Amino acid sequence: MNKLYRSAISTFLIILIIVSCRKDKIDSAGNIYNQWEVADIMSVESVLYTKNNNFNPIIQFYKNGSISLKLDANNCIGDFILSGNGGIKIILSGCTEICCDSDFSEKIQQTLSLVDSYELDKNKMKLNVPGWGWINLELHN
């Protein structure tokens, strides 16, 4: 019985270790490879771009270097390249043309190719556009 008891305890501990090593969404904060919701745009021009109250654009960064962008009506795909010290280059290769995205969503689409760096702070990311401003992102729930 003592041997069976030790075996059961060992099995339980192994399962506990495996489960505790599982990554949750909270653990992935600070990791670019997630879905990010566009919170706002900060620039001299930002006053011209109002956000659609019913939708926030979503940007997904994948580990294989691809990116997807979900706008009000359209979706875009592309690639991104990370470089040292928070450098990033985003290349959108195509978007659907279903209908009318808001001016805010169109500005996001146009501005992504100008981003040259990013900063992560837990569940927030800032995409910097030199000489223009930045795009603030929040980890999507």
N, C-alpha and C. Protein backbone atom coordinates (compact mmCIF):
# COMPACT_ATOMS: atom_id res chain seq x y z
N MET A 1 0.82 -1.18 0.00
CA MET A 1 0.00 0.00 0.00
C MET A 1 0.87 1.25 0.00
N ASN A 2 1.98 1.22 0.74
CA ASN A 2 2.89 2.35 0.82
C ASN A 2 3.48 2.68 -0.55
N LYS A 3 3.82 1.66 -1.34
CA LYS A 3 4.37 1.85 -2.68
C LYS A 3 3.30 2.46 -3.60
N LEU A 4 2.08 2.00 -3.49
CA LEU A 4 0.97 2.52 -4.28
C LEU A 4 0.70 3.99 -3.92
N TYR A 5 0.76 4.31 -2.65
CA TYR A 5 0.55 5.67 -2.17
C TYR A 5 1.63 6.61 -2.74
N ARG A 6 2.91 6.20 -2.71
CA ARG A 6 4.00 7.02 -3.26
C ARG A 6 3.84 7.20 -4.76
N SER A 7 3.42 6.17 -5.46
CA SER A 7 3.20 6.26 -6.90
C SER A 7 2.08 7.24 -7.23
N ALA A 8 1.01 7.20 -6.46
CA ALA A 8 -0.11 8.12 -6.67
C ALA A 8 0.33 9.56 -6.40
N ILE A 9 1.09 9.76 -5.35
CA ILE A 9 1.60 11.11 -5.02
C ILE A 9 2.52 11.61 -6.13
N SER A 10 3.41 10.74 -6.61
CA SER A 10 4.33 11.12 -7.69
C SER A 10 3.56 11.51 -8.95
N THR A 11 2.56 10.73 -9.31
CA THR A 11 1.73 11.02 -10.48
C THR A 11 1.01 12.34 -10.30
N PHE A 12 0.45 12.56 -9.12
CA PHE A 12 -0.24 13.82 -8.83
C PHE A 12 0.71 15.00 -8.96
N LEU A 13 1.92 14.90 -8.44
CA LEU A 13 2.89 15.99 -8.52
C LEU A 13 3.29 16.28 -9.97
N ILE A 14 3.47 15.25 -10.76
CA ILE A 14 3.83 15.44 -12.17
C ILE A 14 2.70 16.16 -12.90
N ILE A 15 1.47 15.75 -12.67
CA ILE A 15 0.32 16.41 -13.29
C ILE A 15 0.22 17.86 -12.83
N LEU A 16 0.45 18.11 -11.57
CA LEU A 16 0.41 19.46 -11.02
C LEU A 16 1.47 20.35 -11.67
N ILE A 17 2.66 19.83 -11.86
CA ILE A 17 3.73 20.59 -12.50
C ILE A 17 3.38 20.91 -13.95
N ILE A 18 2.86 19.93 -14.66
CA ILE A 18 2.48 20.14 -16.06
C ILE A 18 1.38 21.20 -16.16
N VAL A 19 0.36 21.11 -15.33
CA VAL A 19 -0.74 22.07 -15.36
C VAL A 19 -0.25 23.47 -14.97
N SER A 20 0.64 23.57 -13.99
CA SER A 20 1.11 24.88 -13.55
C SER A 20 2.03 25.54 -14.59
N CYS A 21 2.62 24.77 -15.48
CA CYS A 21 3.48 25.32 -16.52
C CYS A 21 2.69 25.79 -17.74
N ARG A 22 1.42 25.50 -17.77
CA ARG A 22 0.57 25.91 -18.89
C ARG A 22 0.49 27.43 -18.93
N LYS A 23 0.57 28.00 -20.15
CA LYS A 23 0.53 29.46 -20.29
C LYS A 23 -0.90 29.94 -20.42
N ASP A 24 -1.26 30.89 -19.59
CA ASP A 24 -2.56 31.54 -19.68
C ASP A 24 -2.42 32.82 -20.48
N LYS A 25 -3.54 33.43 -20.81
CA LYS A 25 -3.51 34.71 -21.51
C LYS A 25 -2.79 35.75 -20.67
N ILE A 26 -2.96 35.69 -19.36
CA ILE A 26 -2.28 36.63 -18.46
C ILE A 26 -0.77 36.44 -18.56
N ASP A 27 -0.30 35.20 -18.64
CA ASP A 27 1.13 34.94 -18.76
C ASP A 27 1.69 35.46 -20.06
N SER A 28 0.86 35.55 -21.10
CA SER A 28 1.36 35.98 -22.40
C SER A 28 1.44 37.50 -22.52
N ALA A 29 0.98 38.22 -21.49
CA ALA A 29 1.13 39.68 -21.52
C ALA A 29 2.62 39.99 -21.61
N GLY A 30 2.97 40.96 -22.38
CA GLY A 30 4.37 41.27 -22.62
C GLY A 30 4.94 40.49 -23.78
N ASN A 31 4.10 39.79 -24.50
CA ASN A 31 4.50 39.00 -25.65
C ASN A 31 3.78 39.55 -26.88
N ILE A 32 4.52 39.93 -27.90
CA ILE A 32 3.92 40.53 -29.10
C ILE A 32 2.98 39.57 -29.83
N TYR A 33 3.20 38.27 -29.68
CA TYR A 33 2.44 37.26 -30.44
C TYR A 33 1.07 37.02 -29.82
N ASN A 34 0.19 37.99 -30.00
CA ASN A 34 -1.15 37.96 -29.44
C ASN A 34 -2.09 38.74 -30.33
N GLN A 35 -3.36 38.77 -29.93
CA GLN A 35 -4.34 39.66 -30.56
C GLN A 35 -4.35 40.96 -29.78
N TRP A 36 -4.27 42.06 -30.52
CA TRP A 36 -4.22 43.39 -29.91
C TRP A 36 -5.36 44.23 -30.45
N GLU A 37 -6.03 44.92 -29.55
CA GLU A 37 -7.11 45.82 -29.92
C GLU A 37 -6.55 47.24 -30.01
N VAL A 38 -6.89 47.95 -31.08
CA VAL A 38 -6.41 49.32 -31.24
C VAL A 38 -7.20 50.20 -30.27
N ALA A 39 -6.50 50.81 -29.33
CA ALA A 39 -7.14 51.68 -28.34
C ALA A 39 -7.32 53.08 -28.89
N ASP A 40 -6.24 53.63 -29.46
CA ASP A 40 -6.32 54.97 -30.03
C ASP A 40 -5.08 55.28 -30.85
N ILE A 41 -5.16 56.40 -31.56
CA ILE A 41 -4.05 56.92 -32.34
C ILE A 41 -3.67 58.25 -31.71
N MET A 42 -2.40 58.47 -31.50
CA MET A 42 -1.94 59.74 -30.95
C MET A 42 -1.06 60.43 -32.00
N SER A 43 -1.56 61.55 -32.52
CA SER A 43 -0.80 62.32 -33.50
C SER A 43 -1.40 63.71 -33.61
N VAL A 44 -0.74 64.55 -34.36
CA VAL A 44 -1.27 65.88 -34.62
C VAL A 44 -2.61 65.77 -35.34
N GLU A 45 -2.75 64.78 -36.21
CA GLU A 45 -3.96 64.61 -37.01
C GLU A 45 -5.08 63.84 -36.31
N SER A 46 -4.83 63.25 -35.15
CA SER A 46 -5.78 62.31 -34.56
C SER A 46 -7.17 62.88 -34.34
N VAL A 47 -7.28 64.16 -34.21
CA VAL A 47 -8.58 64.79 -34.02
C VAL A 47 -9.51 64.52 -35.20
N LEU A 48 -8.97 64.27 -36.37
CA LEU A 48 -9.78 64.04 -37.57
C LEU A 48 -10.36 62.63 -37.64
N TYR A 49 -9.86 61.71 -36.83
CA TYR A 49 -10.22 60.31 -36.96
C TYR A 49 -11.02 59.86 -35.75
N THR A 50 -12.31 59.66 -35.95
CA THR A 50 -13.16 59.20 -34.86
C THR A 50 -13.31 57.69 -34.95
N LYS A 51 -13.29 57.07 -33.80
CA LYS A 51 -13.40 55.63 -33.71
C LYS A 51 -14.86 55.20 -33.82
N ASN A 52 -15.11 54.14 -34.56
CA ASN A 52 -16.43 53.55 -34.63
C ASN A 52 -16.75 52.98 -33.25
N ASN A 53 -17.79 53.46 -32.61
CA ASN A 53 -18.11 53.04 -31.24
C ASN A 53 -18.47 51.57 -31.13
N ASN A 54 -18.86 50.95 -32.24
CA ASN A 54 -19.28 49.55 -32.20
C ASN A 54 -18.15 48.57 -32.46
N PHE A 55 -16.96 49.09 -32.83
CA PHE A 55 -15.89 48.17 -33.21
C PHE A 55 -14.51 48.78 -32.99
N ASN A 56 -13.60 47.98 -32.50
CA ASN A 56 -12.20 48.36 -32.38
C ASN A 56 -11.39 47.46 -33.30
N PRO A 57 -10.57 48.03 -34.17
CA PRO A 57 -9.72 47.19 -35.03
C PRO A 57 -8.85 46.25 -34.19
N ILE A 58 -8.63 45.06 -34.73
CA ILE A 58 -7.84 44.02 -34.05
C ILE A 58 -6.63 43.68 -34.91
N ILE A 59 -5.45 43.67 -34.30
CA ILE A 59 -4.22 43.27 -34.96
C ILE A 59 -3.72 41.99 -34.31
N GLN A 60 -3.41 40.99 -35.12
CA GLN A 60 -2.88 39.71 -34.62
C GLN A 60 -1.47 39.52 -35.16
N PHE A 61 -0.50 39.36 -34.27
CA PHE A 61 0.87 39.04 -34.65
C PHE A 61 1.08 37.55 -34.43
N TYR A 62 1.54 36.84 -35.46
CA TYR A 62 1.77 35.39 -35.37
C TYR A 62 3.26 35.11 -35.28
N LYS A 63 3.59 34.01 -34.64
CA LYS A 63 5.00 33.63 -34.44
C LYS A 63 5.73 33.37 -35.75
N ASN A 64 5.01 33.06 -36.83
CA ASN A 64 5.66 32.79 -38.12
C ASN A 64 5.99 34.08 -38.88
N GLY A 65 5.73 35.25 -38.26
CA GLY A 65 6.06 36.52 -38.89
C GLY A 65 4.93 37.11 -39.72
N SER A 66 3.77 36.49 -39.67
CA SER A 66 2.63 37.06 -40.41
C SER A 66 1.77 37.89 -39.46
N ILE A 67 0.94 38.73 -40.07
CA ILE A 67 0.08 39.62 -39.31
C ILE A 67 -1.29 39.65 -39.97
N SER A 68 -2.33 39.81 -39.17
CA SER A 68 -3.67 40.02 -39.71
C SER A 68 -4.26 41.25 -39.03
N LEU A 69 -5.11 41.94 -39.77
CA LEU A 69 -5.73 43.17 -39.29
C LEU A 69 -7.21 43.09 -39.61
N LYS A 70 -8.04 43.19 -38.59
CA LYS A 70 -9.50 43.17 -38.77
C LYS A 70 -9.99 44.59 -38.55
N LEU A 71 -10.52 45.18 -39.61
CA LEU A 71 -11.06 46.53 -39.57
C LEU A 71 -12.57 46.47 -39.39
N ASP A 72 -13.26 47.60 -39.54
CA ASP A 72 -14.72 47.62 -39.39
C ASP A 72 -15.38 46.62 -40.34
N ALA A 73 -15.02 46.67 -41.62
CA ALA A 73 -15.65 45.82 -42.62
C ALA A 73 -14.65 44.89 -43.30
N ASN A 74 -13.42 45.30 -43.40
CA ASN A 74 -12.42 44.56 -44.17
C ASN A 74 -11.38 43.89 -43.29
N ASN A 75 -10.67 42.95 -43.90
CA ASN A 75 -9.56 42.26 -43.25
C ASN A 75 -8.32 42.41 -44.11
N CYS A 76 -7.16 42.52 -43.45
CA CYS A 76 -5.89 42.64 -44.15
C CYS A 76 -4.94 41.56 -43.65
N ILE A 77 -3.98 41.21 -44.50
CA ILE A 77 -2.93 40.28 -44.11
C ILE A 77 -1.59 40.89 -44.52
N GLY A 78 -0.55 40.38 -43.91
CA GLY A 78 0.78 40.84 -44.26
C GLY A 78 1.83 40.14 -43.42
N ASP A 79 2.97 40.78 -43.33
CA ASP A 79 4.10 40.23 -42.59
C ASP A 79 4.72 41.33 -41.73
N PHE A 80 5.50 40.90 -40.76
CA PHE A 80 6.26 41.84 -39.96
C PHE A 80 7.63 41.25 -39.67
N ILE A 81 8.59 42.15 -39.47
CA ILE A 81 9.97 41.74 -39.19
C ILE A 81 10.41 42.47 -37.92
N LEU A 82 10.86 41.70 -36.94
CA LEU A 82 11.38 42.28 -35.70
C LEU A 82 12.88 42.45 -35.82
N SER A 83 13.39 43.55 -35.27
CA SER A 83 14.84 43.75 -35.20
C SER A 83 15.19 44.14 -33.77
N GLY A 84 16.46 44.20 -33.48
CA GLY A 84 16.91 44.47 -32.13
C GLY A 84 16.37 45.77 -31.55
N ASN A 85 16.32 45.84 -30.24
CA ASN A 85 15.89 47.03 -29.50
C ASN A 85 14.49 47.50 -29.86
N GLY A 86 13.57 46.58 -30.07
CA GLY A 86 12.17 46.93 -30.30
C GLY A 86 11.85 47.42 -31.69
N GLY A 87 12.71 47.17 -32.64
CA GLY A 87 12.43 47.57 -34.02
C GLY A 87 11.42 46.64 -34.67
N ILE A 88 10.57 47.19 -35.51
CA ILE A 88 9.59 46.39 -36.23
C ILE A 88 9.27 47.05 -37.56
N LYS A 89 9.09 46.23 -38.58
CA LYS A 89 8.66 46.68 -39.90
C LYS A 89 7.43 45.88 -40.25
N ILE A 90 6.33 46.57 -40.60
CA ILE A 90 5.07 45.91 -40.93
C ILE A 90 4.76 46.16 -42.40
N ILE A 91 4.48 45.07 -43.12
CA ILE A 91 4.16 45.14 -44.53
C ILE A 91 2.81 44.49 -44.75
N LEU A 92 1.78 45.29 -45.04
CA LEU A 92 0.48 44.72 -45.37
C LEU A 92 0.47 44.39 -46.86
N SER A 93 0.16 43.14 -47.18
CA SER A 93 0.22 42.71 -48.57
C SER A 93 -1.13 42.75 -49.28
N GLY A 94 -2.21 42.82 -48.53
CA GLY A 94 -3.51 42.88 -49.18
C GLY A 94 -4.65 43.00 -48.19
N CYS A 95 -5.74 43.60 -48.67
CA CYS A 95 -6.94 43.77 -47.86
C CYS A 95 -8.16 43.47 -48.71
N THR A 96 -9.19 42.95 -48.07
CA THR A 96 -10.46 42.80 -48.76
C THR A 96 -11.04 44.19 -49.00
N GLU A 97 -11.94 44.29 -49.93
CA GLU A 97 -12.57 45.57 -50.24
C GLU A 97 -14.07 45.40 -50.25
N ILE A 98 -14.60 44.93 -49.12
CA ILE A 98 -16.02 44.65 -49.00
C ILE A 98 -16.84 45.93 -49.04
N CYS A 99 -16.48 46.86 -48.20
CA CYS A 99 -17.26 48.09 -48.11
C CYS A 99 -16.46 49.15 -47.41
N CYS A 100 -17.15 49.88 -46.65
CA CYS A 100 -16.66 51.14 -46.11
C CYS A 100 -16.15 50.99 -44.68
N ASP A 101 -14.86 51.11 -44.50
CA ASP A 101 -14.30 51.18 -43.16
C ASP A 101 -14.36 52.62 -42.69
N SER A 102 -14.35 52.81 -41.39
CA SER A 102 -14.34 54.16 -40.82
C SER A 102 -13.01 54.85 -41.15
N ASP A 103 -12.98 56.16 -41.05
CA ASP A 103 -11.74 56.90 -41.26
C ASP A 103 -10.67 56.43 -40.28
N PHE A 104 -11.10 56.10 -39.06
CA PHE A 104 -10.18 55.61 -38.03
C PHE A 104 -9.50 54.31 -38.50
N SER A 105 -10.29 53.35 -38.98
CA SER A 105 -9.75 52.08 -39.45
C SER A 105 -8.84 52.27 -40.66
N GLU A 106 -9.26 53.15 -41.58
CA GLU A 106 -8.42 53.41 -42.76
C GLU A 106 -7.09 54.03 -42.35
N LYS A 107 -7.10 54.90 -41.34
CA LYS A 107 -5.85 55.52 -40.88
C LYS A 107 -4.93 54.47 -40.25
N ILE A 108 -5.51 53.53 -39.51
CA ILE A 108 -4.71 52.44 -38.94
C ILE A 108 -4.03 51.67 -40.06
N GLN A 109 -4.80 51.30 -41.07
CA GLN A 109 -4.26 50.53 -42.21
C GLN A 109 -3.12 51.30 -42.88
N GLN A 110 -3.30 52.57 -43.12
CA GLN A 110 -2.28 53.38 -43.79
C GLN A 110 -1.04 53.59 -42.92
N THR A 111 -1.24 53.71 -41.63
CA THR A 111 -0.15 54.06 -40.71
C THR A 111 0.73 52.87 -40.35
N LEU A 112 0.21 51.66 -40.39
CA LEU A 112 0.99 50.49 -39.98
C LEU A 112 2.30 50.36 -40.75
N SER A 113 2.31 50.69 -42.02
CA SER A 113 3.53 50.55 -42.81
C SER A 113 4.59 51.59 -42.43
N LEU A 114 4.22 52.60 -41.65
CA LEU A 114 5.16 53.64 -41.22
C LEU A 114 5.77 53.35 -39.85
N VAL A 115 5.24 52.35 -39.16
CA VAL A 115 5.73 51.98 -37.82
C VAL A 115 7.17 51.50 -37.93
N ASP A 116 8.03 51.98 -37.00
CA ASP A 116 9.42 51.52 -37.02
C ASP A 116 9.87 50.88 -35.71
N SER A 117 9.05 51.00 -34.65
CA SER A 117 9.42 50.37 -33.37
C SER A 117 8.17 50.14 -32.53
N TYR A 118 8.35 49.32 -31.51
CA TYR A 118 7.25 49.05 -30.59
C TYR A 118 7.78 48.99 -29.17
N GLU A 119 6.87 49.23 -28.23
CA GLU A 119 7.18 49.14 -26.80
C GLU A 119 6.09 48.31 -26.14
N LEU A 120 6.48 47.33 -25.34
CA LEU A 120 5.52 46.49 -24.61
C LEU A 120 5.54 46.85 -23.14
N ASP A 121 4.37 46.92 -22.55
CA ASP A 121 4.24 47.13 -21.11
C ASP A 121 3.06 46.28 -20.63
N LYS A 122 3.35 45.06 -20.23
CA LYS A 122 2.37 44.08 -19.79
C LYS A 122 1.31 43.86 -20.86
N ASN A 123 0.09 44.39 -20.67
CA ASN A 123 -0.99 44.13 -21.64
C ASN A 123 -1.23 45.32 -22.57
N LYS A 124 -0.22 46.17 -22.74
CA LYS A 124 -0.32 47.31 -23.65
C LYS A 124 0.89 47.32 -24.58
N MET A 125 0.67 47.79 -25.80
CA MET A 125 1.76 47.92 -26.75
C MET A 125 1.59 49.26 -27.47
N LYS A 126 2.72 49.89 -27.72
CA LYS A 126 2.74 51.16 -28.43
C LYS A 126 3.54 50.97 -29.71
N LEU A 127 2.92 51.25 -30.86
CA LEU A 127 3.59 51.18 -32.16
C LEU A 127 3.98 52.60 -32.53
N ASN A 128 5.27 52.87 -32.64
CA ASN A 128 5.78 54.22 -32.88
C ASN A 128 5.95 54.52 -34.36
N VAL A 129 5.50 55.70 -34.75
CA VAL A 129 5.66 56.21 -36.12
C VAL A 129 6.53 57.46 -36.01
N PRO A 130 7.78 57.40 -36.49
CA PRO A 130 8.69 58.52 -36.31
C PRO A 130 8.17 59.82 -36.95
N GLY A 131 8.25 60.90 -36.17
CA GLY A 131 7.85 62.20 -36.66
C GLY A 131 6.36 62.39 -36.83
N TRP A 132 5.56 61.41 -36.41
CA TRP A 132 4.12 61.50 -36.61
C TRP A 132 3.32 61.23 -35.33
N GLY A 133 3.67 60.17 -34.63
CA GLY A 133 2.93 59.80 -33.42
C GLY A 133 3.04 58.32 -33.15
N TRP A 134 1.96 57.74 -32.66
CA TRP A 134 1.97 56.31 -32.33
C TRP A 134 0.55 55.77 -32.29
N ILE A 135 0.47 54.43 -32.30
CA ILE A 135 -0.79 53.70 -32.18
C ILE A 135 -0.73 52.94 -30.86
N ASN A 136 -1.71 53.14 -30.00
CA ASN A 136 -1.78 52.42 -28.73
C ASN A 136 -2.66 51.18 -28.88
N LEU A 137 -2.13 50.06 -28.44
CA LEU A 137 -2.84 48.78 -28.51
C LEU A 137 -3.02 48.22 -27.09
N GLU A 138 -4.08 47.46 -26.92
CA GLU A 138 -4.32 46.75 -25.66
C GLU A 138 -4.56 45.29 -25.98
N LEU A 139 -4.09 44.41 -25.10
CA LEU A 139 -4.28 42.98 -25.29
C LEU A 139 -5.78 42.68 -25.40
N HIS A 140 -6.17 42.00 -26.47
CA HIS A 140 -7.58 41.69 -26.73
C HIS A 140 -8.03 40.58 -25.81
N ASN A 141 -9.21 40.74 -25.23
CA ASN A 141 -9.74 39.72 -24.30
C ASN A 141 -10.26 38.53 -25.03
